[in-house]
Amino acid sequence: MQGNHEMQVNTEQRDGATIVRPEGDVDLSSSSTLRTSLQEAHESTEGKLIIDLANVKYMDSSGVATLVECLQLSRRSGTTLLLCQLHERVLSVFQIARLDGVFDIVPSLDEALAH
């Protein structure tokens, strides 16, 4: 495990949605950063939380667990959670775990905003 790569997470508000954009691999060393950012974003969202994974090329089980926690939080609060722009490798992790039917996954940010 290489701990030198700090994950960056950018958050913006657009069209009534909070968009969270993690950049970098989501693994055991970075999933806590993502978790904190998602919790903060969830508190400030107006009803729709979009996680744009365009800049995440790798995600391990700790990253998936972080997103499952966010999904549970969203369901409890009535917030819509969408994942978009998953790289094939990241999408395959969701498919193997059969979570592609649990999460709302859309191909593009535009589709997520229109959802």
C-alpha atoms as a PDB file:
ATOM      1  CA  MET A   1       0.000   0.000   0.000  1.00  0.00           C
ATOM      2  CA  GLN A   2       1.381   3.387  -0.952  1.00  0.00           C
ATOM      3  CA  GLY A   3       0.347   6.055   1.529  1.00  0.00           C
ATOM      4  CA  ASN A   4       1.896   9.006  -0.308  1.00  0.00           C
ATOM      5  CA  HIS A   5      -1.086   9.700  -2.556  1.00  0.00           C
ATOM      6  CA  GLU A   6      -3.484  12.029  -0.786  1.00  0.00           C
ATOM      7  CA  MET A   7      -7.019  11.768  -2.062  1.00  0.00           C
ATOM      8  CA  GLN A   8      -8.631  15.006  -3.171  1.00  0.00           C
ATOM      9  CA  VAL A   9     -12.388  15.414  -2.871  1.00  0.00           C
ATOM     10  CA  ASN A  10     -14.082  18.385  -4.505  1.00  0.00           C
ATOM     11  CA  THR A  11     -17.674  19.324  -3.719  1.00  0.00           C
ATOM     12  CA  GLU A  12     -19.953  21.744  -5.530  1.00  0.00           C
ATOM     13  CA  GLN A  13     -23.615  22.734  -5.558  1.00  0.00           C
ATOM     14  CA  ARG A  14     -25.367  22.739  -8.941  1.00  0.00           C
ATOM     15  CA  ASP A  15     -29.031  22.651  -9.991  1.00  0.00           C
ATOM     16  CA  GLY A  16     -30.228  21.716  -6.513  1.00  0.00           C
ATOM     17  CA  ALA A  17     -27.739  18.887  -6.163  1.00  0.00           C
ATOM     18  CA  THR A  18     -24.540  18.403  -4.217  1.00  0.00           C
ATOM     19  CA  ILE A  19     -21.851  16.882  -6.434  1.00  0.00           C
ATOM     20  CA  VAL A  20     -18.928  15.100  -4.785  1.00  0.00           C
ATOM     21  CA  ARG A  21     -15.896  14.372  -6.971  1.00  0.00           C
ATOM     22  CA  PRO A  22     -13.234  12.171  -5.406  1.00  0.00           C
ATOM     23  CA  GLU A  23      -9.918  12.036  -7.256  1.00  0.00           C
ATOM     24  CA  GLY A  24      -7.576   9.108  -6.832  1.00  0.00           C
ATOM     25  CA  ASP A  25      -7.803   5.502  -5.744  1.00  0.00           C
ATOM     26  CA  VAL A  26     -10.326   4.714  -3.029  1.00  0.00           C
ATOM     27  CA  ASP A  27      -8.687   2.180  -0.756  1.00  0.00           C
ATOM     28  CA  LEU A  28      -8.146   1.557   2.941  1.00  0.00           C
ATOM     29  CA  SER A  29      -5.812   4.537   3.294  1.00  0.00           C
ATOM     30  CA  SER A  30      -8.132   7.019   1.558  1.00  0.00           C
ATOM     31  CA  SER A  31     -11.651   5.793   2.329  1.00  0.00           C
ATOM     32  CA  SER A  32     -11.790   7.756   5.613  1.00  0.00           C
ATOM     33  CA  THR A  33     -11.153  10.983   3.650  1.00  0.00           C
ATOM     34  CA  LEU A  34     -14.001  10.102   1.304  1.00  0.00           C
ATOM     35  CA  ARG A  35     -16.251   9.156   4.236  1.00  0.00           C
ATOM     36  CA  THR A  36     -15.708  12.538   5.912  1.00  0.00           C
ATOM     37  CA  SER A  37     -16.347  14.422   2.659  1.00  0.00           C
ATOM     38  CA  LEU A  38     -19.534  12.459   1.993  1.00  0.00           C
ATOM     39  CA  GLN A  39     -20.842  13.106   5.507  1.00  0.00           C
ATOM     40  CA  GLU A  40     -20.189  16.839   5.126  1.00  0.00           C
ATOM     41  CA  ALA A  41     -21.801  16.867   1.681  1.00  0.00           C
ATOM     42  CA  HIS A  42     -24.808  14.963   2.975  1.00  0.00           C
ATOM     43  CA  GLU A  43     -25.354  17.571   5.683  1.00  0.00           C
ATOM     44  CA  SER A  44     -25.312  20.408   3.137  1.00  0.00           C
ATOM     45  CA  THR A  45     -27.303  18.790   0.320  1.00  0.00           C
ATOM     46  CA  GLU A  46     -30.658  20.098  -0.825  1.00  0.00           C
ATOM     47  CA  GLY A  47     -32.062  16.654  -1.591  1.00  0.00           C
ATOM     48  CA  LYS A  48     -29.837  15.070  -4.227  1.00  0.00           C
ATOM     49  CA  LEU A  49     -26.306  13.826  -3.682  1.00  0.00           C
ATOM     50  CA  ILE A  50     -24.297  12.858  -6.768  1.00  0.00           C
ATOM     51  CA  ILE A  51     -20.985  11.060  -6.460  1.00  0.00           C
ATOM     52  CA  ASP A  52     -19.031  11.581  -9.683  1.00  0.00           C
ATOM     53  CA  LEU A  53     -16.449   8.800  -9.872  1.00  0.00           C
ATOM     54  CA  ALA A  54     -14.871   9.878 -13.191  1.00  0.00           C
ATOM     55  CA  ASN A  55     -11.481  10.392 -11.500  1.00  0.00           C
ATOM     56  CA  VAL A  56     -11.497   7.127  -9.519  1.00  0.00           C
ATOM     57  CA  LYS A  57      -9.825   4.321 -11.423  1.00  0.00           C
ATOM     58  CA  TYR A  58      -9.593   1.855  -8.523  1.00  0.00           C
ATOM     59  CA  MET A  59     -11.815   1.100  -5.540  1.00  0.00           C
ATOM     60  CA  ASP A  60     -11.418  -1.674  -2.997  1.00  0.00           C
ATOM     61  CA  SER A  61     -13.935  -3.079  -0.518  1.00  0.00           C
ATOM     62  CA  SER A  62     -13.335  -0.274   1.998  1.00  0.00           C
ATOM     63  CA  GLY A  63     -14.372   2.253  -0.645  1.00  0.00           C
ATOM     64  CA  VAL A  64     -17.479   0.239  -1.474  1.00  0.00           C
ATOM     65  CA  ALA A  65     -18.301   0.028   2.248  1.00  0.00           C
ATOM     66  CA  THR A  66     -17.971   3.831   2.499  1.00  0.00           C
ATOM     67  CA  LEU A  67     -20.459   4.268  -0.351  1.00  0.00           C
ATOM     68  CA  VAL A  68     -22.845   1.729   1.227  1.00  0.00           C
ATOM     69  CA  GLU A  69     -22.734   3.766   4.470  1.00  0.00           C
ATOM     70  CA  CYS A  70     -23.550   6.894   2.470  1.00  0.00           C
ATOM     71  CA  LEU A  71     -26.447   5.086   0.774  1.00  0.00           C
ATOM     72  CA  GLN A  72     -27.856   4.034   4.144  1.00  0.00           C
ATOM     73  CA  LEU A  73     -27.565   7.599   5.449  1.00  0.00           C
ATOM     74  CA  SER A  74     -29.278   8.913   2.319  1.00  0.00           C
ATOM     75  CA  ARG A  75     -32.131   6.446   2.612  1.00  0.00           C
ATOM     76  CA  ARG A  76     -32.713   7.347   6.274  1.00  0.00           C
ATOM     77  CA  SER A  77     -32.862  11.057   5.444  1.00  0.00           C
ATOM     78  CA  GLY A  78     -34.807  10.785   2.184  1.00  0.00           C
ATOM     79  CA  THR A  79     -31.907  12.074   0.072  1.00  0.00           C
ATOM     80  CA  THR A  80     -31.502  10.785  -3.488  1.00  0.00           C
ATOM     81  CA  LEU A  81     -28.032   9.281  -4.009  1.00  0.00           C
ATOM     82  CA  LEU A  82     -26.662   8.748  -7.509  1.00  0.00           C
ATOM     83  CA  LEU A  83     -23.322   7.407  -8.707  1.00  0.00           C
ATOM     84  CA  CYS A  84     -22.086   8.460 -12.132  1.00  0.00           C
ATOM     85  CA  GLN A  85     -19.195   8.053 -14.550  1.00  0.00           C
ATOM     86  CA  LEU A  86     -17.839   4.811 -13.087  1.00  0.00           C
ATOM     87  CA  HIS A  87     -14.764   3.425 -14.807  1.00  0.00           C
ATOM     88  CA  GLU A  88     -15.220  -0.127 -16.034  1.00  0.00           C
ATOM     89  CA  ARG A  89     -12.912  -1.492 -13.332  1.00  0.00           C
ATOM     90  CA  VAL A  90     -14.861   0.272 -10.551  1.00  0.00           C
ATOM     91  CA  LEU A  91     -18.222  -0.714 -12.039  1.00  0.00           C
ATOM     92  CA  SER A  92     -17.113  -4.355 -12.119  1.00  0.00           C
ATOM     93  CA  VAL A  93     -16.542  -4.239  -8.334  1.00  0.00           C
ATOM     94  CA  PHE A  94     -20.173  -3.145  -7.895  1.00  0.00           C
ATOM     95  CA  GLN A  95     -21.371  -5.828 -10.334  1.00  0.00           C
ATOM     96  CA  ILE A  96     -19.413  -8.605  -8.616  1.00  0.00           C
ATOM     97  CA  ALA A  97     -20.856  -7.559  -5.243  1.00  0.00           C
ATOM     98  CA  ARG A  98     -24.301  -7.258  -6.891  1.00  0.00           C
ATOM     99  CA  LEU A  99     -24.528  -3.656  -5.738  1.00  0.00           C
ATOM    100  CA  ASP A 100     -25.187  -2.351  -9.241  1.00  0.00           C
ATOM    101  CA  GLY A 101     -28.860  -3.143  -8.568  1.00  0.00           C
ATOM    102  CA  VAL A 102     -28.803  -1.439  -5.157  1.00  0.00           C
ATOM    103  CA  PHE A 103     -27.238   1.888  -6.158  1.00  0.00           C
ATOM    104  CA  ASP A 104     -28.660   4.228  -8.792  1.00  0.00           C
ATOM    105  CA  ILE A 105     -25.787   4.259 -11.299  1.00  0.00           C
ATOM    106  CA  VAL A 106     -25.977   6.480 -14.377  1.00  0.00           C
ATOM    107  CA  PRO A 107     -23.438   6.968 -17.178  1.00  0.00           C
ATOM    108  CA  SER A 108     -23.012  10.754 -17.044  1.00  0.00           C
ATOM    109  CA  LEU A 109     -23.186  13.733 -14.721  1.00  0.00           C
ATOM    110  CA  ASP A 110     -25.819  15.330 -16.962  1.00  0.00           C
ATOM    111  CA  GLU A 111     -28.035  12.251 -16.554  1.00  0.00           C
ATOM    112  CA  ALA A 112     -27.510  12.320 -12.795  1.00  0.00           C
ATOM    113  CA  LEU A 113     -28.514  15.989 -12.641  1.00  0.00           C
ATOM    114  CA  ALA A 114     -31.610  15.292 -14.772  1.00  0.00           C
ATOM    115  CA  HIS A 115     -32.622  12.209 -12.740  1.00  0.00           C
END
